[in-house]
C-alpha cells in the first residue's frame, strides 16, 4: 500500500516544494538546467544545502520543481555561499587587517542581481 502511494507521488505533476501544478513551468530536479554550467553546483545539492529537506532521485517523492522555486533555490544558495565567503573574509581580516577585494566585487555583483527594495510602509489611516 505504501509502495503504491510512493509510485503515485513519484508520478505526480506537481512542484515538490510548493505543490504548483503549472506543467509549463515544471522541470525535473535531476536534469541539467540550461542555465547551469559545468562548474555550478547541482540543484539537488543546492536544495539540501539551503533547505532542511533531503532530495534523492529514488526517494519516492515528486521529482519536479517549478521555475519560481528553482529561481528561489538558486538565489538562496548564492546568498548562503556569499555569506560564507563574507564570514571567511572577515575572519581573515581579524588576522591580517586586510579585507579581500575579490569579495567586495562579489557583493557589488549580488546587489545588481538582487536589487535591494525598501519595505513598503503600511498606508496611514
Foldseek 3Di string as FASTA:
>chain_A
DVVVLLQVQQPDQAAQPPRDNPNVFKDFQQDDDPPDDPPDDRNQVLCVVQDVDHDDPPPSHHGIHGPVVSVVSVLSSLVVVLVVVQVVQVVVCVVVVDGDPVSVVVVVVNCVVPPDDDDDDDDDD
